[in-house]
Amino acid sequence: MRALVAALALACGAGGVQAAVQQVQLVCDAVYMPTRSSWSRVVDIGYDQKRVRTVSIDGVPVYTFAIAETVIMTALDNERIQIDTATQTWTSDFRGQANAQGRCERR
């Protein structure tokens, strides 16, 4: 968990003293296969010094999420999503029917 908060703080450019809740927005350009269509996905992550508080994708708050080191794992509309905050990458899967990979940039 500390690795994720540290990666988010680095992405946000936060210094020594932090406010109660920080917000990071990532814009991820994901390429969906097999159609090769490109979608821009907006991920908002709210966190404090101890943990990630909120995650929303394209303005829709996710119901639940799990964290493994620097990776946020969640699902939205049958799409299983993994966002690596350290490498700033997006990976997702539509239950084996399609998948996506892409890079993210902090906005």
PDB file of N, CA and C in Angstrom:
ATOM      1  N   MET A   1       0.824  -1.184   0.000  1.00  0.00           N
ATOM      2  CA  MET A   1       0.000   0.000   0.000  1.00  0.00           C
ATOM      3  C   MET A   1       0.871   1.252   0.000  1.00  0.00           C
ATOM      4  N   ARG A   2       1.946   1.245   0.765  1.00  0.00           N
ATOM      5  CA  ARG A   2       2.825   2.409   0.810  1.00  0.00           C
ATOM      6  C   ARG A   2       3.458   2.682  -0.546  1.00  0.00           C
ATOM      7  N   ALA A   3       3.747   1.618  -1.295  1.00  0.00           N
ATOM      8  CA  ALA A   3       4.341   1.800  -2.617  1.00  0.00           C
ATOM      9  C   ALA A   3       3.379   2.531  -3.539  1.00  0.00           C
ATOM     10  N   LEU A   4       2.088   2.201  -3.465  1.00  0.00           N
ATOM     11  CA  LEU A   4       1.097   2.871  -4.303  1.00  0.00           C
ATOM     12  C   LEU A   4       0.959   4.325  -3.913  1.00  0.00           C
ATOM     13  N   VAL A   5       0.860   4.627  -2.630  1.00  0.00           N
ATOM     14  CA  VAL A   5       0.735   6.019  -2.178  1.00  0.00           C
ATOM     15  C   VAL A   5       1.978   6.802  -2.577  1.00  0.00           C
ATOM     16  N   ALA A   6       3.151   6.189  -2.469  1.00  0.00           N
ATOM     17  CA  ALA A   6       4.383   6.862  -2.878  1.00  0.00           C
ATOM     18  C   ALA A   6       4.392   7.129  -4.383  1.00  0.00           C
ATOM     19  N   ALA A   7       3.935   6.162  -5.174  1.00  0.00           N
ATOM     20  CA  ALA A   7       3.875   6.346  -6.628  1.00  0.00           C
ATOM     21  C   ALA A   7       2.888   7.445  -6.992  1.00  0.00           C
ATOM     22  N   LEU A   8       1.753   7.503  -6.305  1.00  0.00           N
ATOM     23  CA  LEU A   8       0.770   8.553  -6.562  1.00  0.00           C
ATOM     24  C   LEU A   8       1.314   9.916  -6.159  1.00  0.00           C
ATOM     25  N   ALA A   9       1.996   9.990  -5.024  1.00  0.00           N
ATOM     26  CA  ALA A   9       2.577  11.252  -4.582  1.00  0.00           C
ATOM     27  C   ALA A   9       3.627  11.734  -5.571  1.00  0.00           C
ATOM     28  N   LEU A  10       4.411  10.805  -6.104  1.00  0.00           N
ATOM     29  CA  LEU A  10       5.407  11.157  -7.105  1.00  0.00           C
ATOM     30  C   LEU A  10       4.734  11.656  -8.382  1.00  0.00           C
ATOM     31  N   ALA A  11       3.667  10.984  -8.804  1.00  0.00           N
ATOM     32  CA  ALA A  11       2.940  11.399 -10.004  1.00  0.00           C
ATOM     33  C   ALA A  11       2.296  12.755  -9.809  1.00  0.00           C
ATOM     34  N   CYS A  12       1.850  13.036  -8.583  1.00  0.00           N
ATOM     35  CA  CYS A  12       1.187  14.297  -8.283  1.00  0.00           C
ATOM     36  C   CYS A  12       2.190  15.417  -8.068  1.00  0.00           C
ATOM     37  N   GLY A  13       3.444  15.052  -7.794  1.00  0.00           N
ATOM     38  CA  GLY A  13       4.450  16.062  -7.534  1.00  0.00           C
ATOM     39  C   GLY A  13       4.359  16.616  -6.125  1.00  0.00           C
ATOM     40  N   ALA A  14       3.796  15.840  -5.209  1.00  0.00           N
ATOM     41  CA  ALA A  14       3.618  16.298  -3.832  1.00  0.00           C
ATOM     42  C   ALA A  14       4.961  16.337  -3.120  1.00  0.00           C
ATOM     43  N   GLY A  15       5.137  17.334  -2.287  1.00  0.00           N
ATOM     44  CA  GLY A  15       6.373  17.508  -1.543  1.00  0.00           C
ATOM     45  C   GLY A  15       6.253  16.967  -0.144  1.00  0.00           C
ATOM     46  N   GLY A  16       6.876  17.666   0.817  1.00  0.00           N
ATOM     47  CA  GLY A  16       6.928  17.203   2.189  1.00  0.00           C
ATOM     48  C   GLY A  16       5.577  17.174   2.879  1.00  0.00           C
ATOM     49  N   VAL A  17       4.886  18.310   2.985  1.00  0.00           N
ATOM     50  CA  VAL A  17       3.617  18.362   3.684  1.00  0.00           C
ATOM     51  C   VAL A  17       2.495  18.173   2.683  1.00  0.00           C
ATOM     52  N   GLN A  18       1.594  17.252   2.983  1.00  0.00           N
ATOM     53  CA  GLN A  18       0.499  16.952   2.076  1.00  0.00           C
ATOM     54  C   GLN A  18      -0.818  17.358   2.701  1.00  0.00           C
ATOM     55  N   ALA A  19      -1.749  17.746   1.866  1.00  0.00           N
ATOM     56  CA  ALA A  19      -3.098  18.036   2.335  1.00  0.00           C
ATOM     57  C   ALA A  19      -3.778  16.729   2.720  1.00  0.00           C
ATOM     58  N   ALA A  20      -4.953  16.813   3.325  1.00  0.00           N
ATOM     59  CA  ALA A  20      -5.656  15.627   3.791  1.00  0.00           C
ATOM     60  C   ALA A  20      -5.933  14.656   2.656  1.00  0.00           C
ATOM     61  N   VAL A  21      -6.459  15.129   1.541  1.00  0.00           N
ATOM     62  CA  VAL A  21      -6.762  14.260   0.412  1.00  0.00           C
ATOM     63  C   VAL A  21      -6.159  14.858  -0.858  1.00  0.00           C
ATOM     64  N   GLN A  22      -5.405  14.051  -1.560  1.00  0.00           N
ATOM     65  CA  GLN A  22      -4.805  14.445  -2.837  1.00  0.00           C
ATOM     66  C   GLN A  22      -5.608  13.812  -3.968  1.00  0.00           C
ATOM     67  N   GLN A  23      -5.523  14.369  -5.147  1.00  0.00           N
ATOM     68  CA  GLN A  23      -6.229  13.837  -6.308  1.00  0.00           C
ATOM     69  C   GLN A  23      -5.249  13.749  -7.474  1.00  0.00           C
ATOM     70  N   VAL A  24      -5.218  12.615  -8.131  1.00  0.00           N
ATOM     71  CA  VAL A  24      -4.415  12.429  -9.343  1.00  0.00           C
ATOM     72  C   VAL A  24      -5.355  12.025 -10.456  1.00  0.00           C
ATOM     73  N   GLN A  25      -5.181  12.634 -11.618  1.00  0.00           N
ATOM     74  CA  GLN A  25      -5.973  12.243 -12.778  1.00  0.00           C
ATOM     75  C   GLN A  25      -5.027  11.710 -13.842  1.00  0.00           C
ATOM     76  N   LEU A  26      -5.310  10.495 -14.292  1.00  0.00           N
ATOM     77  CA  LEU A  26      -4.547   9.875 -15.372  1.00  0.00           C
ATOM     78  C   LEU A  26      -5.434   9.786 -16.604  1.00  0.00           C
ATOM     79  N   VAL A  27      -4.882  10.115 -17.748  1.00  0.00           N
ATOM     80  CA  VAL A  27      -5.575   9.918 -19.017  1.00  0.00           C
ATOM     81  C   VAL A  27      -4.853   8.779 -19.726  1.00  0.00           C
ATOM     82  N   CYS A  28      -5.576   7.691 -19.924  1.00  0.00           N
ATOM     83  CA  CYS A  28      -4.992   6.478 -20.492  1.00  0.00           C
ATOM     84  C   CYS A  28      -5.506   6.269 -21.909  1.00  0.00           C
ATOM     85  N   ASP A  29      -4.585   6.134 -22.845  1.00  0.00           N
ATOM     86  CA  ASP A  29      -4.944   5.822 -24.228  1.00  0.00           C
ATOM     87  C   ASP A  29      -4.839   4.321 -24.407  1.00  0.00           C
ATOM     88  N   ALA A  30      -5.985   3.657 -24.358  1.00  0.00           N
ATOM     89  CA  ALA A  30      -6.036   2.198 -24.420  1.00  0.00           C
ATOM     90  C   ALA A  30      -6.423   1.747 -25.825  1.00  0.00           C
ATOM     91  N   VAL A  31      -5.703   0.775 -26.345  1.00  0.00           N
ATOM     92  CA  VAL A  31      -6.009   0.186 -27.652  1.00  0.00           C
ATOM     93  C   VAL A  31      -6.682  -1.158 -27.407  1.00  0.00           C
ATOM     94  N   TYR A  32      -7.909  -1.283 -27.882  1.00  0.00           N
ATOM     95  CA  TYR A  32      -8.708  -2.487 -27.677  1.00  0.00           C
ATOM     96  C   TYR A  32      -8.551  -3.430 -28.865  1.00  0.00           C
ATOM     97  N   MET A  33      -8.204  -4.679 -28.546  1.00  0.00           N
ATOM     98  CA  MET A  33      -8.039  -5.718 -29.560  1.00  0.00           C
ATOM     99  C   MET A  33      -9.203  -6.683 -29.442  1.00  0.00           C
ATOM    100  N   PRO A  34      -9.696  -7.283 -30.469  1.00  0.00           N
ATOM    101  CA  PRO A  34      -9.097  -7.388 -31.794  1.00  0.00           C
ATOM    102  C   PRO A  34      -9.513  -6.276 -32.766  1.00  0.00           C
ATOM    103  N   THR A  35     -10.332  -5.324 -32.336  1.00  0.00           N
ATOM    104  CA  THR A  35     -10.822  -4.297 -33.260  1.00  0.00           C
ATOM    105  C   THR A  35      -9.815  -3.190 -33.527  1.00  0.00           C
ATOM    106  N   ARG A  36      -8.766  -3.105 -32.710  1.00  0.00           N
ATOM    107  CA  ARG A  36      -7.748  -2.064 -32.817  1.00  0.00           C
ATOM    108  C   ARG A  36      -8.315  -0.655 -32.667  1.00  0.00           C
ATOM    109  N   SER A  37      -9.359  -0.543 -31.871  1.00  0.00           N
ATOM    110  CA  SER A  37      -9.931   0.780 -31.617  1.00  0.00           C
ATOM    111  C   SER A  37      -9.231   1.395 -30.402  1.00  0.00           C
ATOM    112  N   SER A  38      -9.041   2.700 -30.460  1.00  0.00           N
ATOM    113  CA  SER A  38      -8.353   3.415 -29.400  1.00  0.00           C
ATOM    114  C   SER A  38      -9.352   4.266 -28.621  1.00  0.00           C
ATOM    115  N   TRP A  39      -9.339   4.124 -27.307  1.00  0.00           N
ATOM    116  CA  TRP A  39     -10.217   4.896 -26.437  1.00  0.00           C
ATOM    117  C   TRP A  39      -9.370   5.659 -25.438  1.00  0.00           C
ATOM    118  N   SER A  40      -9.763   6.858 -25.147  1.00  0.00           N
ATOM    119  CA  SER A  40      -9.124   7.640 -24.109  1.00  0.00           C
ATOM    120  C   SER A  40      -9.935   7.448 -22.831  1.00  0.00           C
ATOM    121  N   ARG A  41      -9.312   6.908 -21.797  1.00  0.00           N
ATOM    122  CA  ARG A  41      -9.984   6.623 -20.528  1.00  0.00           C
ATOM    123  C   ARG A  41      -9.416   7.553 -19.467  1.00  0.00           C
ATOM    124  N   VAL A  42     -10.282   8.172 -18.693  1.00  0.00           N
ATOM    125  CA  VAL A  42      -9.871   9.103 -17.643  1.00  0.00           C
ATOM    126  C   VAL A  42     -10.054   8.428 -16.290  1.00  0.00           C
ATOM    127  N   VAL A  43      -8.970   8.352 -15.529  1.00  0.00           N
ATOM    128  CA  VAL A  43      -8.974   7.706 -14.219  1.00  0.00           C
ATOM    129  C   VAL A  43      -8.668   8.765 -13.158  1.00  0.00           C
ATOM    130  N   ASP A  44      -9.581   8.926 -12.200  1.00  0.00           N
ATOM    131  CA  ASP A  44      -9.375   9.836 -11.080  1.00  0.00           C
ATOM    132  C   ASP A  44      -9.119   9.003  -9.829  1.00  0.00           C
ATOM    133  N   ILE A  45      -8.018   9.301  -9.135  1.00  0.00           N
ATOM    134  CA  ILE A  45      -7.633   8.562  -7.942  1.00  0.00           C
ATOM    135  C   ILE A  45      -7.508   9.552  -6.790  1.00  0.00           C
ATOM    136  N   GLY A  46      -8.309   9.340  -5.749  1.00  0.00           N
ATOM    137  CA  GLY A  46      -8.224  10.162  -4.548  1.00  0.00           C
ATOM    138  C   GLY A  46      -7.523   9.375  -3.463  1.00  0.00           C
ATOM    139  N   TYR A  47      -6.538   9.981  -2.808  1.00  0.00           N
ATOM    140  CA  TYR A  47      -5.762   9.275  -1.797  1.00  0.00           C
ATOM    141  C   TYR A  47      -5.317  10.243  -0.703  1.00  0.00           C
ATOM    142  N   ASP A  48      -4.954   9.686   0.430  1.00  0.00           N
ATOM    143  CA  ASP A  48      -4.332  10.473   1.485  1.00  0.00           C
ATOM    144  C   ASP A  48      -2.979   9.840   1.800  1.00  0.00           C
ATOM    145  N   GLN A  49      -2.374  10.207   2.911  1.00  0.00           N
ATOM    146  CA  GLN A  49      -1.040   9.696   3.230  1.00  0.00           C
ATOM    147  C   GLN A  49      -1.022   8.208   3.545  1.00  0.00           C
ATOM    148  N   LYS A  50      -2.189   7.630   3.839  1.00  0.00           N
ATOM    149  CA  LYS A  50      -2.231   6.228   4.243  1.00  0.00           C
ATOM    150  C   LYS A  50      -2.773   5.290   3.175  1.00  0.00           C
ATOM    151  N   ARG A  51      -3.761   5.735   2.373  1.00  0.00           N
ATOM    152  CA  ARG A  51      -4.368   4.790   1.433  1.00  0.00           C
ATOM    153  C   ARG A  51      -5.126   5.501   0.331  1.00  0.00           C
ATOM    154  N   VAL A  52      -5.475   4.729  -0.682  1.00  0.00           N
ATOM    155  CA  VAL A  52      -6.324   5.207  -1.762  1.00  0.00           C
ATOM    156  C   VAL A  52      -7.752   5.238  -1.243  1.00  0.00           C
ATOM    157  N   ARG A  53      -8.424   6.344  -1.424  1.00  0.00           N
ATOM    158  CA  ARG A  53      -9.788   6.507  -0.917  1.00  0.00           C
ATOM    159  C   ARG A  53     -10.838   6.262  -1.993  1.00  0.00           C
ATOM    160  N   THR A  54     -10.623   6.814  -3.196  1.00  0.00           N
ATOM    161  CA  THR A  54     -11.620   6.710  -4.264  1.00  0.00           C
ATOM    162  C   THR A  54     -10.948   6.452  -5.603  1.00  0.00           C
ATOM    163  N   VAL A  55     -11.667   5.763  -6.479  1.00  0.00           N
ATOM    164  CA  VAL A  55     -11.243   5.551  -7.859  1.00  0.00           C
ATOM    165  C   VAL A  55     -12.470   5.724  -8.735  1.00  0.00           C
ATOM    166  N   SER A  56     -12.340   6.516  -9.780  1.00  0.00           N
ATOM    167  CA  SER A  56     -13.426   6.613 -10.762  1.00  0.00           C
ATOM    168  C   SER A  56     -12.819   6.551 -12.154  1.00  0.00           C
ATOM    169  N   ILE A  57     -13.570   5.956 -13.062  1.00  0.00           N
ATOM    170  CA  ILE A  57     -13.131   5.795 -14.440  1.00  0.00           C
ATOM    171  C   ILE A  57     -14.170   6.439 -15.337  1.00  0.00           C
ATOM    172  N   ASP A  58     -13.723   7.364 -16.160  1.00  0.00           N
ATOM    173  CA  ASP A  58     -14.603   8.122 -17.051  1.00  0.00           C
ATOM    174  C   ASP A  58     -15.748   8.776 -16.283  1.00  0.00           C
ATOM    175  N   GLY A  59     -15.446   9.265 -15.075  1.00  0.00           N
ATOM    176  CA  GLY A  59     -16.438   9.945 -14.263  1.00  0.00           C
ATOM    177  C   GLY A  59     -17.364   9.039 -13.476  1.00  0.00           C
ATOM    178  N   VAL A  60     -17.207   7.731 -13.606  1.00  0.00           N
ATOM    179  CA  VAL A  60     -18.061   6.767 -12.901  1.00  0.00           C
ATOM    180  C   VAL A  60     -17.273   6.172 -11.738  1.00  0.00           C
ATOM    181  N   PRO A  61     -17.724   6.400 -10.494  1.00  0.00           N
ATOM    182  CA  PRO A  61     -17.018   5.797  -9.354  1.00  0.00           C
ATOM    183  C   PRO A  61     -17.124   4.272  -9.416  1.00  0.00           C
ATOM    184  N   VAL A  62     -16.003   3.599  -9.180  1.00  0.00           N
ATOM    185  CA  VAL A  62     -16.039   2.134  -9.166  1.00  0.00           C
ATOM    186  C   VAL A  62     -16.595   1.672  -7.838  1.00  0.00           C
ATOM    187  N   TYR A  63     -17.258   0.547  -7.843  1.00  0.00           N
ATOM    188  CA  TYR A  63     -17.895   0.010  -6.631  1.00  0.00           C
ATOM    189  C   TYR A  63     -16.856  -0.453  -5.623  1.00  0.00           C
ATOM    190  N   THR A  64     -15.843  -1.148  -6.116  1.00  0.00           N
ATOM    191  CA  THR A  64     -14.789  -1.661  -5.249  1.00  0.00           C
ATOM    192  C   THR A  64     -13.493  -1.760  -6.036  1.00  0.00           C
ATOM    193  N   PHE A  65     -12.383  -1.766  -5.322  1.00  0.00           N
ATOM    194  CA  PHE A  65     -11.083  -1.931  -5.962  1.00  0.00           C
ATOM    195  C   PHE A  65     -10.146  -2.618  -4.975  1.00  0.00           C
ATOM    196  N   ALA A  66      -9.114  -3.237  -5.533  1.00  0.00           N
ATOM    197  CA  ALA A  66      -8.075  -3.888  -4.729  1.00  0.00           C
ATOM    198  C   ALA A  66      -6.731  -3.319  -5.156  1.00  0.00           C
ATOM    199  N   ILE A  67      -5.769  -3.405  -4.254  1.00  0.00           N
ATOM    200  CA  ILE A  67      -4.452  -2.844  -4.530  1.00  0.00           C
ATOM    201  C   ILE A  67      -3.392  -3.901  -4.263  1.00  0.00           C
ATOM    202  N   ALA A  68      -2.462  -4.043  -5.213  1.00  0.00           N
ATOM    203  CA  ALA A  68      -1.297  -4.911  -5.059  1.00  0.00           C
ATOM    204  C   ALA A  68      -0.071  -4.092  -5.450  1.00  0.00           C
ATOM    205  N   GLU A  69       0.723  -3.717  -4.445  1.00  0.00           N
ATOM    206  CA  GLU A  69       1.887  -2.854  -4.646  1.00  0.00           C
ATOM    207  C   GLU A  69       1.454  -1.537  -5.291  1.00  0.00           C
ATOM    208  N   THR A  70       1.767  -1.320  -6.583  1.00  0.00           N
ATOM    209  CA  THR A  70       1.422  -0.066  -7.259  1.00  0.00           C
ATOM    210  C   THR A  70       0.282  -0.234  -8.257  1.00  0.00           C
ATOM    211  N   VAL A  71      -0.390  -1.380  -8.231  1.00  0.00           N
ATOM    212  CA  VAL A  71      -1.443  -1.680  -9.202  1.00  0.00           C
ATOM    213  C   VAL A  71      -2.820  -1.584  -8.547  1.00  0.00           C
ATOM    214  N   ILE A  72      -3.715  -0.843  -9.203  1.00  0.00           N
ATOM    215  CA  ILE A  72      -5.111  -0.770  -8.781  1.00  0.00           C
ATOM    216  C   ILE A  72      -5.891  -1.723  -9.684  1.00  0.00           C
ATOM    217  N   MET A  73      -6.628  -2.654  -9.075  1.00  0.00           N
ATOM    218  CA  MET A  73      -7.431  -3.617  -9.824  1.00  0.00           C
ATOM    219  C   MET A  73      -8.903  -3.362  -9.516  1.00  0.00           C
ATOM    220  N   THR A  74      -9.708  -3.260 -10.568  1.00  0.00           N
ATOM    221  CA  THR A  74     -11.128  -3.006 -10.394  1.00  0.00           C
ATOM    222  C   THR A  74     -11.882  -3.538 -11.602  1.00  0.00           C
ATOM    223  N   ALA A  75     -13.172  -3.332 -11.624  1.00  0.00           N
ATOM    224  CA  ALA A  75     -14.002  -3.737 -12.758  1.00  0.00           C
ATOM    225  C   ALA A  75     -15.084  -2.688 -12.956  1.00  0.00           C
ATOM    226  N   LEU A  76     -15.465  -2.504 -14.214  1.00  0.00           N
ATOM    227  CA  LEU A  76     -16.518  -1.563 -14.563  1.00  0.00           C
ATOM    228  C   LEU A  76     -17.202  -2.072 -15.823  1.00  0.00           C
ATOM    229  N   ASP A  77     -18.509  -2.320 -15.739  1.00  0.00           N
ATOM    230  CA  ASP A  77     -19.288  -2.795 -16.885  1.00  0.00           C
ATOM    231  C   ASP A  77     -18.658  -4.024 -17.547  1.00  0.00           C
ATOM    232  N   ASN A  78     -18.377  -5.056 -16.759  1.00  0.00           N
ATOM    233  CA  ASN A  78     -17.799  -6.323 -17.232  1.00  0.00           C
ATOM    234  C   ASN A  78     -16.384  -6.192 -17.788  1.00  0.00           C
ATOM    235  N   GLU A  79     -15.738  -5.063 -17.567  1.00  0.00           N
ATOM    236  CA  GLU A  79     -14.347  -4.888 -17.980  1.00  0.00           C
ATOM    237  C   GLU A  79     -13.472  -4.964 -16.732  1.00  0.00           C
ATOM    238  N   ARG A  80     -12.588  -5.951 -16.675  1.00  0.00           N
ATOM    239  CA  ARG A  80     -11.640  -6.061 -15.568  1.00  0.00           C
ATOM    240  C   ARG A  80     -10.444  -5.181 -15.888  1.00  0.00           C
ATOM    241  N   ILE A  81     -10.115  -4.278 -14.992  1.00  0.00           N
ATOM    242  CA  ILE A  81      -9.141  -3.235 -15.273  1.00  0.00           C
ATOM    243  C   ILE A  81      -8.005  -3.282 -14.256  1.00  0.00           C
ATOM    244  N   GLN A  82      -6.775  -3.088 -14.766  1.00  0.00           N
ATOM    245  CA  GLN A  82      -5.594  -2.956 -13.928  1.00  0.00           C
ATOM    246  C   GLN A  82      -4.854  -1.696 -14.352  1.00  0.00           C
ATOM    247  N   ILE A  83      -4.604  -0.823 -13.381  1.00  0.00           N
ATOM    248  CA  ILE A  83      -3.887   0.414 -13.649  1.00  0.00           C
ATOM    249  C   ILE A  83      -2.634   0.410 -12.791  1.00  0.00           C
ATOM    250  N   ASP A  84      -1.482   0.400 -13.433  1.00  0.00           N
ATOM    251  CA  ASP A  84      -0.214   0.431 -12.702  1.00  0.00           C
ATOM    252  C   ASP A  84       0.210   1.891 -12.576  1.00  0.00           C
ATOM    253  N   THR A  85       0.197   2.400 -11.356  1.00  0.00           N
ATOM    254  CA  THR A  85       0.499   3.813 -11.147  1.00  0.00           C
ATOM    255  C   THR A  85       1.992   4.113 -11.234  1.00  0.00           C
ATOM    256  N   ALA A  86       2.842   3.113 -11.055  1.00  0.00           N
ATOM    257  CA  ALA A  86       4.285   3.328 -11.147  1.00  0.00           C
ATOM    258  C   ALA A  86       4.734   3.425 -12.599  1.00  0.00           C
ATOM    259  N   THR A  87       4.291   2.494 -13.420  1.00  0.00           N
ATOM    260  CA  THR A  87       4.676   2.507 -14.837  1.00  0.00           C
ATOM    261  C   THR A  87       3.676   3.273 -15.691  1.00  0.00           C
ATOM    262  N   GLN A  88       2.578   3.710 -15.079  1.00  0.00           N
ATOM    263  CA  GLN A  88       1.497   4.435 -15.741  1.00  0.00           C
ATOM    264  C   GLN A  88       1.013   3.690 -16.985  1.00  0.00           C
ATOM    265  N   THR A  89       0.511   2.471 -16.745  1.00  0.00           N
ATOM    266  CA  THR A  89      -0.033   1.649 -17.825  1.00  0.00           C
ATOM    267  C   THR A  89      -1.437   1.170 -17.481  1.00  0.00           C
ATOM    268  N   TRP A  90      -2.215   0.914 -18.522  1.00  0.00           N
ATOM    269  CA  TRP A  90      -3.593   0.429 -18.440  1.00  0.00           C
ATOM    270  C   TRP A  90      -3.631  -0.945 -19.090  1.00  0.00           C
ATOM    271  N   THR A  91      -4.252  -1.897 -18.416  1.00  0.00           N
ATOM    272  CA  THR A  91      -4.505  -3.216 -18.973  1.00  0.00           C
ATOM    273  C   THR A  91      -5.925  -3.591 -18.598  1.00  0.00           C
ATOM    274  N   SER A  92      -6.691  -4.108 -19.563  1.00  0.00           N
ATOM    275  CA  SER A  92      -8.054  -4.525 -19.241  1.00  0.00           C
ATOM    276  C   SER A  92      -8.479  -5.695 -20.112  1.00  0.00           C
ATOM    277  N   ASP A  93      -9.588  -6.330 -19.680  1.00  0.00           N
ATOM    278  CA  ASP A  93     -10.087  -7.515 -20.364  1.00  0.00           C
ATOM    279  C   ASP A  93     -11.610  -7.550 -20.248  1.00  0.00           C
ATOM    280  N   PHE A  94     -12.285  -7.749 -21.374  1.00  0.00           N
ATOM    281  CA  PHE A  94     -13.742  -7.912 -21.398  1.00  0.00           C
ATOM    282  C   PHE A  94     -14.086  -9.391 -21.366  1.00  0.00           C
ATOM    283  N   ARG A  95     -13.790 -10.044 -20.259  1.00  0.00           N
ATOM    284  CA  ARG A  95     -14.102 -11.452 -20.035  1.00  0.00           C
ATOM    285  C   ARG A  95     -13.677 -12.356 -21.205  1.00  0.00           C
ATOM    286  N   GLY A  96     -12.492 -12.092 -21.739  1.00  0.00           N
ATOM    287  CA  GLY A  96     -11.943 -12.921 -22.794  1.00  0.00           C
ATOM    288  C   GLY A  96     -12.389 -12.557 -24.199  1.00  0.00           C
ATOM    289  N   GLN A  97     -13.338 -11.658 -24.342  1.00  0.00           N
ATOM    290  CA  GLN A  97     -13.842 -11.285 -25.678  1.00  0.00           C
ATOM    291  C   GLN A  97     -12.973 -10.215 -26.336  1.00  0.00           C
ATOM    292  N   ALA A  98     -12.407  -9.341 -25.556  1.00  0.00           N
ATOM    293  CA  ALA A  98     -11.525  -8.287 -26.056  1.00  0.00           C
ATOM    294  C   ALA A  98     -10.599  -7.889 -24.909  1.00  0.00           C
ATOM    295  N   ASN A  99      -9.464  -7.303 -25.260  1.00  0.00           N
ATOM    296  CA  ASN A  99      -8.563  -6.817 -24.229  1.00  0.00           C
ATOM    297  C   ASN A  99      -7.935  -5.509 -24.689  1.00  0.00           C
ATOM    298  N   ALA A 100      -7.349  -4.792 -23.741  1.00  0.00           N
ATOM    299  CA  ALA A 100      -6.758  -3.497 -24.060  1.00  0.00           C
ATOM    300  C   ALA A 100      -5.467  -3.305 -23.283  1.00  0.00           C
ATOM    301  N   GLN A 101      -4.580  -2.533 -23.895  1.00  0.00           N
ATOM    302  CA  GLN A 101      -3.347  -2.112 -23.249  1.00  0.00           C
ATOM    303  C   GLN A 101      -3.087  -0.676 -23.672  1.00  0.00           C
ATOM    304  N   GLY A 102      -2.464   0.078 -22.787  1.00  0.00           N
ATOM    305  CA  GLY A 102      -2.150   1.449 -23.153  1.00  0.00           C
ATOM    306  C   GLY A 102      -1.312   2.148 -22.119  1.00  0.00           C
ATOM    307  N   ARG A 103      -0.867   3.331 -22.484  1.00  0.00           N
ATOM    308  CA  ARG A 103      -0.055   4.193 -21.614  1.00  0.00           C
ATOM    309  C   ARG A 103      -0.937   5.256 -21.008  1.00  0.00           C
ATOM    310  N   CYS A 104      -0.570   5.707 -19.835  1.00  0.00           N
ATOM    311  CA  CYS A 104      -1.308   6.761 -19.146  1.00  0.00           C
ATOM    312  C   CYS A 104      -0.388   7.957 -18.913  1.00  0.00           C
ATOM    313  N   GLU A 105      -1.000   9.129 -18.901  1.00  0.00           N
ATOM    314  CA  GLU A 105      -0.281  10.356 -18.590  1.00  0.00           C
ATOM    315  C   GLU A 105      -1.030  11.103 -17.513  1.00  0.00           C
ATOM    316  N   ARG A 106      -0.286  11.716 -16.623  1.00  0.00           N
ATOM    317  CA  ARG A 106      -0.906  12.524 -15.583  1.00  0.00           C
ATOM    318  C   ARG A 106      -1.363  13.843 -16.190  1.00  0.00           C
ATOM    319  N   ARG A 107      -2.556  14.224 -15.840  1.00  0.00           N
ATOM    320  CA  ARG A 107      -3.112  15.489 -16.349  1.00  0.00           C
ATOM    321  C   ARG A 107      -3.023  16.531 -15.292  1.00  0.00           C
TER     322      ARG A 107
END
